[in-house]
Amino acid sequence: MPYITTTDNVNLYFEETGSGTPILFIHEMAGDHRSWEPQIRYLSRFYRCIVFNARGYYPSDIPKNVKAYSQKTAANDALAILDGLKLQQAHIVGLSMGSSATLQFGIDHESRALSLTIMGCGSGSDPDMLENNRTRYRAMAQNILDGHYQGFVAEYSSGPYRQPFLKKDPRGWEEFRNRLMTHNPTGKANTLLGVQAERPSLYELETHIEKIKLPTLIMVGDLDEPCVPASIFLQKAIKNSGLYVLPKTGHTINLEEPMQVNYQLHQFLTAVEKDQW
């Protein structure tokens, strides 16, 4: 299996296919490198597509110390993939937890990105709900550590913002749920504790976000209630950004509406490379 080692000696599993300008995909908390398959199958015809599993997601290493997990660490891990492949720059694409890492990458490593694509970003960022959400993430992690991972999967995969996916594509939703069931419980709990329960609200990062000059595509489903206002905030804060809203669509937009996401993403990348964005 191909691995790249981070600066803190964590081995990250990765895959790549296609040739041309590189795209690095960063997965969500409930996904892994397999979640991007609909995008890889299409975009690898035109680009070098790279996917990897975040730390805590087998076959990547699963650090036992929660302090090894954070949003900034996730962005640094993406940088480690580029460094390990000797790539100076790439288009960075992320969903949910991966979109937060993509945004952090744009803040911390802007010169290494050609563009940012931020999908389903901002869950848990509402300032009025921030502490409640952090408490909820910690409770979810504790439930997993107490041996109730199957219950976590059943509840999380059936949440209100996954329901549009289930209704439109029961077979695709079942594949998503089954992949989630294969994840390592310790890695999942540590991710919830170190990333979700500790990451700053988007609104706390406003002064940093406003400095991003990269071409940025923001995508969100209109039924992904927590992420809609956050996406509008991002579109206003990032001057070189555009917002695409998918109708009647929930959180897992790249799996729920793969054709629309592929088309919009391809159009965006083409415009960026032709300096027409």
C-alpha atoms as a PDB file:
ATOM      1  CA  MET A   1       0.000   0.000   0.000  1.00  0.00           C
ATOM      2  CA  PRO A   2       1.288   3.514  -0.794  1.00  0.00           C
ATOM      3  CA  TYR A   3       1.880   5.760   2.205  1.00  0.00           C
ATOM      4  CA  ILE A   4       3.251   9.216   2.881  1.00  0.00           C
ATOM      5  CA  THR A   5       4.654  10.043   6.319  1.00  0.00           C
ATOM      6  CA  THR A   6       3.822  13.336   8.004  1.00  0.00           C
ATOM      7  CA  THR A   7       6.235  15.483   9.991  1.00  0.00           C
ATOM      8  CA  ASP A   8       4.928  13.886  13.218  1.00  0.00           C
ATOM      9  CA  ASN A   9       5.482  10.371  11.817  1.00  0.00           C
ATOM     10  CA  VAL A  10       1.903   9.441  10.946  1.00  0.00           C
ATOM     11  CA  ASN A  11       1.553   7.283   7.836  1.00  0.00           C
ATOM     12  CA  LEU A  12      -1.228   8.408   5.499  1.00  0.00           C
ATOM     13  CA  TYR A  13      -2.641   6.029   2.904  1.00  0.00           C
ATOM     14  CA  PHE A  14      -3.235   7.572  -0.527  1.00  0.00           C
ATOM     15  CA  GLU A  15      -4.278   6.656  -4.060  1.00  0.00           C
ATOM     16  CA  GLU A  16      -3.912   8.525  -7.340  1.00  0.00           C
ATOM     17  CA  THR A  17      -5.041   8.132 -10.919  1.00  0.00           C
ATOM     18  CA  GLY A  18      -5.051  10.194 -14.102  1.00  0.00           C
ATOM     19  CA  SER A  19      -2.551  12.755 -15.326  1.00  0.00           C
ATOM     20  CA  GLY A  20      -2.295  16.492 -15.678  1.00  0.00           C
ATOM     21  CA  THR A  21      -2.839  19.234 -13.128  1.00  0.00           C
ATOM     22  CA  PRO A  22      -3.261  17.637  -9.679  1.00  0.00           C
ATOM     23  CA  ILE A  23      -6.427  17.741  -7.581  1.00  0.00           C
ATOM     24  CA  LEU A  24      -6.229  16.735  -3.919  1.00  0.00           C
ATOM     25  CA  PHE A  25      -9.524  15.567  -2.380  1.00  0.00           C
ATOM     26  CA  ILE A  26     -10.112  15.695   1.394  1.00  0.00           C
ATOM     27  CA  HIS A  27     -12.946  13.550   2.763  1.00  0.00           C
ATOM     28  CA  GLU A  28     -15.630  14.225   5.377  1.00  0.00           C
ATOM     29  CA  MET A  29     -15.815  12.805   8.918  1.00  0.00           C
ATOM     30  CA  ALA A  30     -18.281  10.089   7.864  1.00  0.00           C
ATOM     31  CA  GLY A  31     -16.360   9.263   4.685  1.00  0.00           C
ATOM     32  CA  ASP A  32     -12.924   8.174   3.529  1.00  0.00           C
ATOM     33  CA  HIS A  33     -10.959   8.130   0.276  1.00  0.00           C
ATOM     34  CA  ARG A  34     -13.665   5.954  -1.315  1.00  0.00           C
ATOM     35  CA  SER A  35     -16.228   8.730  -0.894  1.00  0.00           C
ATOM     36  CA  TRP A  36     -14.722  10.601  -3.845  1.00  0.00           C
ATOM     37  CA  GLU A  37     -15.106   7.751  -6.340  1.00  0.00           C
ATOM     38  CA  PRO A  38     -17.800   9.501  -8.454  1.00  0.00           C
ATOM     39  CA  GLN A  39     -15.494  12.499  -8.851  1.00  0.00           C
ATOM     40  CA  ILE A  40     -12.362  10.433  -9.471  1.00  0.00           C
ATOM     41  CA  ARG A  41     -14.005   8.363 -12.202  1.00  0.00           C
ATOM     42  CA  TYR A  42     -14.955  11.515 -14.099  1.00  0.00           C
ATOM     43  CA  LEU A  43     -12.218  14.048 -13.350  1.00  0.00           C
ATOM     44  CA  SER A  44      -9.294  11.618 -13.733  1.00  0.00           C
ATOM     45  CA  ARG A  45      -9.984  11.804 -17.479  1.00  0.00           C
ATOM     46  CA  PHE A  46      -8.632  15.359 -17.338  1.00  0.00           C
ATOM     47  CA  TYR A  47      -6.618  15.685 -14.117  1.00  0.00           C
ATOM     48  CA  ARG A  48      -4.265  13.843 -11.797  1.00  0.00           C
ATOM     49  CA  CYS A  49      -6.638  12.947  -8.960  1.00  0.00           C
ATOM     50  CA  ILE A  50      -5.260  12.213  -5.496  1.00  0.00           C
ATOM     51  CA  VAL A  51      -7.241  10.922  -2.520  1.00  0.00           C
ATOM     52  CA  PHE A  52      -6.046   9.942   0.936  1.00  0.00           C
ATOM     53  CA  ASN A  53      -7.374   8.745   4.256  1.00  0.00           C
ATOM     54  CA  ALA A  54      -7.085  11.194   7.117  1.00  0.00           C
ATOM     55  CA  ARG A  55      -5.247  10.130  10.249  1.00  0.00           C
ATOM     56  CA  GLY A  56      -7.563   7.920  12.276  1.00  0.00           C
ATOM     57  CA  TYR A  57      -8.952   6.267   9.146  1.00  0.00           C
ATOM     58  CA  TYR A  58      -7.443   2.851   8.398  1.00  0.00           C
ATOM     59  CA  PRO A  59      -5.269   2.003   6.512  1.00  0.00           C
ATOM     60  CA  SER A  60      -3.770   5.353   7.566  1.00  0.00           C
ATOM     61  CA  ASP A  61      -2.302   5.331  11.061  1.00  0.00           C
ATOM     62  CA  ILE A  62      -4.626   5.785  14.031  1.00  0.00           C
ATOM     63  CA  PRO A  63      -2.827   7.833  16.695  1.00  0.00           C
ATOM     64  CA  LYS A  64      -4.093   7.037  20.184  1.00  0.00           C
ATOM     65  CA  ASN A  65      -3.441  10.509  21.569  1.00  0.00           C
ATOM     66  CA  VAL A  66      -6.320  12.918  20.905  1.00  0.00           C
ATOM     67  CA  LYS A  67      -3.796  15.775  20.752  1.00  0.00           C
ATOM     68  CA  ALA A  68      -2.602  14.322  17.436  1.00  0.00           C
ATOM     69  CA  TYR A  69      -5.901  15.421  15.839  1.00  0.00           C
ATOM     70  CA  SER A  70      -6.983  18.957  14.947  1.00  0.00           C
ATOM     71  CA  GLN A  71      -8.206  21.044  12.029  1.00  0.00           C
ATOM     72  CA  LYS A  72      -4.771  22.630  11.561  1.00  0.00           C
ATOM     73  CA  THR A  73      -3.198  19.172  11.653  1.00  0.00           C
ATOM     74  CA  ALA A  74      -5.624  18.040   8.936  1.00  0.00           C
ATOM     75  CA  ALA A  75      -4.482  20.933   6.732  1.00  0.00           C
ATOM     76  CA  ASN A  76      -0.846  20.071   7.463  1.00  0.00           C
ATOM     77  CA  ASP A  77      -1.543  16.448   6.520  1.00  0.00           C
ATOM     78  CA  ALA A  78      -2.851  17.615   3.142  1.00  0.00           C
ATOM     79  CA  LEU A  79       0.367  19.574   2.733  1.00  0.00           C
ATOM     80  CA  ALA A  80       2.342  16.432   3.616  1.00  0.00           C
ATOM     81  CA  ILE A  81       0.632  14.604   0.744  1.00  0.00           C
ATOM     82  CA  LEU A  82       1.711  17.326  -1.699  1.00  0.00           C
ATOM     83  CA  ASP A  83       5.247  17.318  -0.298  1.00  0.00           C
ATOM     84  CA  GLY A  84       5.445  13.536  -0.407  1.00  0.00           C
ATOM     85  CA  LEU A  85       4.417  13.550  -4.067  1.00  0.00           C
ATOM     86  CA  LYS A  86       6.769  16.472  -4.784  1.00  0.00           C
ATOM     87  CA  LEU A  87       3.914  18.664  -5.955  1.00  0.00           C
ATOM     88  CA  GLN A  88       4.361  22.395  -5.623  1.00  0.00           C
ATOM     89  CA  GLN A  89       0.653  23.137  -6.061  1.00  0.00           C
ATOM     90  CA  ALA A  90      -2.727  21.456  -6.514  1.00  0.00           C
ATOM     91  CA  HIS A  91      -6.411  22.257  -6.613  1.00  0.00           C
ATOM     92  CA  ILE A  92      -7.743  21.443  -3.122  1.00  0.00           C
ATOM     93  CA  VAL A  93     -11.270  20.009  -2.816  1.00  0.00           C
ATOM     94  CA  GLY A  94     -13.004  19.117   0.447  1.00  0.00           C
ATOM     95  CA  LEU A  95     -16.385  18.142   1.854  1.00  0.00           C
ATOM     96  CA  SER A  96     -17.609  18.912   5.394  1.00  0.00           C
ATOM     97  CA  MET A  97     -14.689  18.102   7.733  1.00  0.00           C
ATOM     98  CA  GLY A  98     -12.597  18.014   4.581  1.00  0.00           C
ATOM     99  CA  SER A  99     -13.902  21.426   3.548  1.00  0.00           C
ATOM    100  CA  SER A 100     -12.858  22.864   6.911  1.00  0.00           C
ATOM    101  CA  ALA A 101      -9.397  21.408   6.296  1.00  0.00           C
ATOM    102  CA  THR A 102      -9.475  22.888   2.781  1.00  0.00           C
ATOM    103  CA  LEU A 103     -10.335  26.306   4.186  1.00  0.00           C
ATOM    104  CA  GLN A 104      -7.570  25.948   6.792  1.00  0.00           C
ATOM    105  CA  PHE A 105      -5.194  24.965   3.984  1.00  0.00           C
ATOM    106  CA  GLY A 106      -6.099  28.197   2.199  1.00  0.00           C
ATOM    107  CA  ILE A 107      -5.366  30.160   5.369  1.00  0.00           C
ATOM    108  CA  ASP A 108      -2.103  28.418   6.278  1.00  0.00           C
ATOM    109  CA  HIS A 109      -0.667  27.296   2.925  1.00  0.00           C
ATOM    110  CA  GLU A 110      -2.254  29.543   0.302  1.00  0.00           C
ATOM    111  CA  SER A 111       0.789  29.521  -1.977  1.00  0.00           C
ATOM    112  CA  ARG A 112       0.517  25.735  -2.365  1.00  0.00           C
ATOM    113  CA  ALA A 113      -3.061  25.799  -3.685  1.00  0.00           C
ATOM    114  CA  LEU A 114      -4.235  26.576  -7.202  1.00  0.00           C
ATOM    115  CA  SER A 115      -7.829  26.884  -6.022  1.00  0.00           C
ATOM    116  CA  LEU A 116     -10.153  25.856  -3.200  1.00  0.00           C
ATOM    117  CA  THR A 117     -13.448  23.997  -3.487  1.00  0.00           C
ATOM    118  CA  ILE A 118     -15.381  24.073  -0.219  1.00  0.00           C
ATOM    119  CA  MET A 119     -18.457  21.821  -0.020  1.00  0.00           C
ATOM    120  CA  GLY A 120     -20.883  21.557   2.899  1.00  0.00           C
ATOM    121  CA  CYS A 121     -18.774  23.696   5.211  1.00  0.00           C
ATOM    122  CA  GLY A 122     -19.677  25.222   8.562  1.00  0.00           C
ATOM    123  CA  SER A 123     -21.666  22.607  10.454  1.00  0.00           C
ATOM    124  CA  GLY A 124     -21.404  23.411  14.143  1.00  0.00           C
ATOM    125  CA  SER A 125     -20.201  26.980  13.535  1.00  0.00           C
ATOM    126  CA  ASP A 126     -23.299  28.867  14.642  1.00  0.00           C
ATOM    127  CA  PRO A 127     -21.951  31.047  17.494  1.00  0.00           C
ATOM    128  CA  ASP A 128     -25.157  30.603  19.484  1.00  0.00           C
ATOM    129  CA  MET A 129     -24.863  26.809  19.266  1.00  0.00           C
ATOM    130  CA  LEU A 130     -21.089  26.396  19.320  1.00  0.00           C
ATOM    131  CA  GLU A 131     -20.705  25.084  22.874  1.00  0.00           C
ATOM    132  CA  ASN A 132     -23.796  22.888  22.562  1.00  0.00           C
ATOM    133  CA  ASN A 133     -22.382  21.364  19.404  1.00  0.00           C
ATOM    134  CA  ARG A 134     -19.008  20.764  21.040  1.00  0.00           C
ATOM    135  CA  THR A 135     -20.766  19.026  23.921  1.00  0.00           C
ATOM    136  CA  ARG A 136     -22.683  16.898  21.413  1.00  0.00           C
ATOM    137  CA  TYR A 137     -19.505  15.869  19.591  1.00  0.00           C
ATOM    138  CA  ARG A 138     -17.862  14.865  22.877  1.00  0.00           C
ATOM    139  CA  ALA A 139     -20.921  12.839  23.834  1.00  0.00           C
ATOM    140  CA  MET A 140     -20.860  11.078  20.464  1.00  0.00           C
ATOM    141  CA  ALA A 141     -17.186  10.243  20.972  1.00  0.00           C
ATOM    142  CA  GLN A 142     -17.786   8.918  24.467  1.00  0.00           C
ATOM    143  CA  ASN A 143     -20.647   6.775  23.210  1.00  0.00           C
ATOM    144  CA  ILE A 144     -18.286   5.253  20.647  1.00  0.00           C
ATOM    145  CA  LEU A 145     -15.582   4.660  23.266  1.00  0.00           C
ATOM    146  CA  ASP A 146     -18.191   2.980  25.462  1.00  0.00           C
ATOM    147  CA  GLY A 147     -18.637   0.359  22.759  1.00  0.00           C
ATOM    148  CA  HIS A 148     -21.666   1.676  20.884  1.00  0.00           C
ATOM    149  CA  TYR A 149     -20.168   2.284  17.450  1.00  0.00           C
ATOM    150  CA  GLN A 150     -22.988   0.540  15.592  1.00  0.00           C
ATOM    151  CA  GLY A 151     -25.508   2.775  17.315  1.00  0.00           C
ATOM    152  CA  PHE A 152     -23.468   5.830  16.365  1.00  0.00           C
ATOM    153  CA  VAL A 153     -23.435   4.748  12.703  1.00  0.00           C
ATOM    154  CA  ALA A 154     -27.167   4.066  12.673  1.00  0.00           C
ATOM    155  CA  GLU A 155     -27.981   7.466  14.172  1.00  0.00           C
ATOM    156  CA  TYR A 156     -25.416   9.556  12.303  1.00  0.00           C
ATOM    157  CA  SER A 157     -26.048   8.099   8.858  1.00  0.00           C
ATOM    158  CA  SER A 158     -29.798   8.641   9.275  1.00  0.00           C
ATOM    159  CA  GLY A 159     -29.586  12.234  10.505  1.00  0.00           C
ATOM    160  CA  PRO A 160     -31.823  14.934   9.038  1.00  0.00           C
ATOM    161  CA  TYR A 161     -29.223  16.242   6.580  1.00  0.00           C
ATOM    162  CA  ARG A 162     -28.590  12.732   5.195  1.00  0.00           C
ATOM    163  CA  GLN A 163     -32.281  12.077   4.593  1.00  0.00           C
ATOM    164  CA  PRO A 164     -32.368  13.649   1.112  1.00  0.00           C
ATOM    165  CA  PHE A 165     -29.594  11.232   0.076  1.00  0.00           C
ATOM    166  CA  LEU A 166     -31.517   8.272   1.501  1.00  0.00           C
ATOM    167  CA  LYS A 167     -34.719   9.280  -0.265  1.00  0.00           C
ATOM    168  CA  LYS A 168     -33.097   9.934  -3.654  1.00  0.00           C
ATOM    169  CA  ASP A 169     -30.620   7.082  -3.753  1.00  0.00           C
ATOM    170  CA  PRO A 170     -31.210   4.329  -1.157  1.00  0.00           C
ATOM    171  CA  ARG A 171     -28.543   2.134  -2.728  1.00  0.00           C
ATOM    172  CA  GLY A 172     -25.914   4.883  -2.664  1.00  0.00           C
ATOM    173  CA  TRP A 173     -26.880   5.797   0.904  1.00  0.00           C
ATOM    174  CA  GLU A 174     -26.519   2.153   1.964  1.00  0.00           C
ATOM    175  CA  GLU A 175     -23.006   2.055   0.492  1.00  0.00           C
ATOM    176  CA  PHE A 176     -22.182   5.244   2.408  1.00  0.00           C
ATOM    177  CA  ARG A 177     -23.518   3.759   5.666  1.00  0.00           C
ATOM    178  CA  ASN A 178     -21.686   0.451   5.141  1.00  0.00           C
ATOM    179  CA  ARG A 179     -18.390   2.256   4.554  1.00  0.00           C
ATOM    180  CA  LEU A 180     -18.935   4.233   7.743  1.00  0.00           C
ATOM    181  CA  MET A 181     -19.480   0.955   9.606  1.00  0.00           C
ATOM    182  CA  THR A 182     -15.989  -0.226   8.574  1.00  0.00           C
ATOM    183  CA  HIS A 183     -14.212   2.730  10.170  1.00  0.00           C
ATOM    184  CA  ASN A 184     -12.061   2.310  13.253  1.00  0.00           C
ATOM    185  CA  PRO A 185     -13.996   3.359  16.395  1.00  0.00           C
ATOM    186  CA  THR A 186     -10.928   4.756  18.167  1.00  0.00           C
ATOM    187  CA  GLY A 187      -9.987   6.838  15.159  1.00  0.00           C
ATOM    188  CA  LYS A 188     -13.557   8.092  14.853  1.00  0.00           C
ATOM    189  CA  ALA A 189     -13.809   9.034  18.526  1.00  0.00           C
ATOM    190  CA  ASN A 190     -10.451  10.811  18.465  1.00  0.00           C
ATOM    191  CA  THR A 191     -11.455  12.700  15.325  1.00  0.00           C
ATOM    192  CA  LEU A 192     -14.655  13.867  16.998  1.00  0.00           C
ATOM    193  CA  LEU A 193     -12.755  14.924  20.120  1.00  0.00           C
ATOM    194  CA  GLY A 194      -9.744  16.507  18.446  1.00  0.00           C
ATOM    195  CA  VAL A 195     -11.281  18.029  15.320  1.00  0.00           C
ATOM    196  CA  GLN A 196     -15.036  18.562  15.608  1.00  0.00           C
ATOM    197  CA  ALA A 197     -15.103  19.405  19.325  1.00  0.00           C
ATOM    198  CA  GLU A 198     -12.108  21.756  19.179  1.00  0.00           C
ATOM    199  CA  ARG A 199     -12.205  23.476  15.793  1.00  0.00           C
ATOM    200  CA  PRO A 200     -13.004  27.197  15.792  1.00  0.00           C
ATOM    201  CA  SER A 201     -16.233  28.568  14.425  1.00  0.00           C
ATOM    202  CA  LEU A 202     -15.936  29.872  10.871  1.00  0.00           C
ATOM    203  CA  TYR A 203     -16.925  33.274  12.177  1.00  0.00           C
ATOM    204  CA  GLU A 204     -13.949  33.323  14.540  1.00  0.00           C
ATOM    205  CA  LEU A 205     -11.683  32.939  11.502  1.00  0.00           C
ATOM    206  CA  GLU A 206     -13.210  35.836   9.558  1.00  0.00           C
ATOM    207  CA  THR A 207     -10.128  38.070   9.538  1.00  0.00           C
ATOM    208  CA  HIS A 208      -8.023  35.156   8.244  1.00  0.00           C
ATOM    209  CA  ILE A 209     -10.625  34.045   5.697  1.00  0.00           C
ATOM    210  CA  GLU A 210     -10.888  37.556   4.259  1.00  0.00           C
ATOM    211  CA  LYS A 211      -7.195  37.419   3.330  1.00  0.00           C
ATOM    212  CA  ILE A 212      -7.679  34.413   1.014  1.00  0.00           C
ATOM    213  CA  LYS A 213      -7.204  35.493  -2.595  1.00  0.00           C
ATOM    214  CA  LEU A 214      -7.459  32.082  -4.233  1.00  0.00           C
ATOM    215  CA  PRO A 215     -10.200  31.230  -6.723  1.00  0.00           C
ATOM    216  CA  THR A 216     -12.772  29.528  -4.528  1.00  0.00           C
ATOM    217  CA  LEU A 217     -15.914  27.570  -5.319  1.00  0.00           C
ATOM    218  CA  ILE A 218     -18.341  27.126  -2.430  1.00  0.00           C
ATOM    219  CA  MET A 219     -21.021  24.447  -2.819  1.00  0.00           C
ATOM    220  CA  VAL A 220     -23.896  23.578  -0.503  1.00  0.00           C
ATOM    221  CA  GLY A 221     -27.201  21.738  -0.554  1.00  0.00           C
ATOM    222  CA  ASP A 222     -30.188  23.943   0.213  1.00  0.00           C
ATOM    223  CA  LEU A 223     -31.497  21.389   2.736  1.00  0.00           C
ATOM    224  CA  ASP A 224     -28.177  21.300   4.600  1.00  0.00           C
ATOM    225  CA  GLU A 225     -29.545  23.812   7.071  1.00  0.00           C
ATOM    226  CA  PRO A 226     -26.465  24.501   9.264  1.00  0.00           C
ATOM    227  CA  CYS A 227     -24.193  24.964   6.243  1.00  0.00           C
ATOM    228  CA  VAL A 228     -26.324  27.349   4.179  1.00  0.00           C
ATOM    229  CA  PRO A 229     -25.701  30.517   6.255  1.00  0.00           C
ATOM    230  CA  ALA A 230     -22.069  29.482   6.724  1.00  0.00           C
ATOM    231  CA  SER A 231     -21.646  29.130   2.948  1.00  0.00           C
ATOM    232  CA  ILE A 232     -23.174  32.563   2.338  1.00  0.00           C
ATOM    233  CA  PHE A 233     -20.787  33.976   4.953  1.00  0.00           C
ATOM    234  CA  LEU A 234     -17.825  32.358   3.168  1.00  0.00           C
ATOM    235  CA  GLN A 235     -18.918  33.697  -0.215  1.00  0.00           C
ATOM    236  CA  LYS A 236     -19.005  37.217   1.183  1.00  0.00           C
ATOM    237  CA  ALA A 237     -15.729  36.862   3.072  1.00  0.00           C
ATOM    238  CA  ILE A 238     -13.666  35.369   0.225  1.00  0.00           C
ATOM    239  CA  LYS A 239     -13.585  38.029  -2.471  1.00  0.00           C
ATOM    240  CA  ASN A 240     -12.616  35.665  -5.302  1.00  0.00           C
ATOM    241  CA  SER A 241     -15.331  33.123  -4.541  1.00  0.00           C
ATOM    242  CA  GLY A 242     -18.617  31.964  -6.007  1.00  0.00           C
ATOM    243  CA  LEU A 243     -21.489  30.064  -4.403  1.00  0.00           C
ATOM    244  CA  TYR A 244     -23.414  27.205  -6.013  1.00  0.00           C
ATOM    245  CA  VAL A 245     -26.519  25.944  -4.209  1.00  0.00           C
ATOM    246  CA  LEU A 246     -27.929  22.521  -5.112  1.00  0.00           C
ATOM    247  CA  PRO A 247     -31.728  22.388  -4.795  1.00  0.00           C
ATOM    248  CA  LYS A 248     -33.481  19.744  -2.689  1.00  0.00           C
ATOM    249  CA  THR A 249     -30.095  18.447  -1.548  1.00  0.00           C
ATOM    250  CA  GLY A 250     -28.616  17.594   1.848  1.00  0.00           C
ATOM    251  CA  HIS A 251     -25.093  17.354   3.245  1.00  0.00           C
ATOM    252  CA  THR A 252     -23.394  14.591   1.260  1.00  0.00           C
ATOM    253  CA  ILE A 253     -23.613  16.515  -1.994  1.00  0.00           C
ATOM    254  CA  ASN A 254     -20.843  14.784  -3.939  1.00  0.00           C
ATOM    255  CA  LEU A 255     -22.586  11.406  -3.513  1.00  0.00           C
ATOM    256  CA  GLU A 256     -26.154  12.654  -3.538  1.00  0.00           C
ATOM    257  CA  GLU A 257     -25.819  14.690  -6.745  1.00  0.00           C
ATOM    258  CA  PRO A 258     -22.570  13.495  -8.364  1.00  0.00           C
ATOM    259  CA  MET A 259     -23.362  14.659 -11.899  1.00  0.00           C
ATOM    260  CA  GLN A 260     -24.119  18.219 -10.799  1.00  0.00           C
ATOM    261  CA  VAL A 261     -21.069  18.366  -8.559  1.00  0.00           C
ATOM    262  CA  ASN A 262     -18.804  16.951 -11.249  1.00  0.00           C
ATOM    263  CA  TYR A 263     -20.081  19.422 -13.840  1.00  0.00           C
ATOM    264  CA  GLN A 264     -19.771  22.475 -11.617  1.00  0.00           C
ATOM    265  CA  LEU A 265     -16.362  21.427 -10.321  1.00  0.00           C
ATOM    266  CA  HIS A 266     -15.054  20.774 -13.833  1.00  0.00           C
ATOM    267  CA  GLN A 267     -16.389  24.129 -15.058  1.00  0.00           C
ATOM    268  CA  PHE A 268     -14.745  25.887 -12.139  1.00  0.00           C
ATOM    269  CA  LEU A 269     -11.362  24.205 -12.602  1.00  0.00           C
ATOM    270  CA  THR A 270     -11.429  24.934 -16.334  1.00  0.00           C
ATOM    271  CA  ALA A 271     -12.216  28.587 -15.693  1.00  0.00           C
ATOM    272  CA  VAL A 272      -9.407  28.835 -13.137  1.00  0.00           C
ATOM    273  CA  GLU A 273      -6.863  27.293 -15.482  1.00  0.00           C
ATOM    274  CA  LYS A 274      -7.913  29.620 -18.320  1.00  0.00           C
ATOM    275  CA  ASP A 275      -7.759  32.609 -15.959  1.00  0.00           C
ATOM    276  CA  GLN A 276     -11.453  33.226 -16.561  1.00  0.00           C
ATOM    277  CA  TRP A 277     -12.775  32.820 -13.006  1.00  0.00           C
END
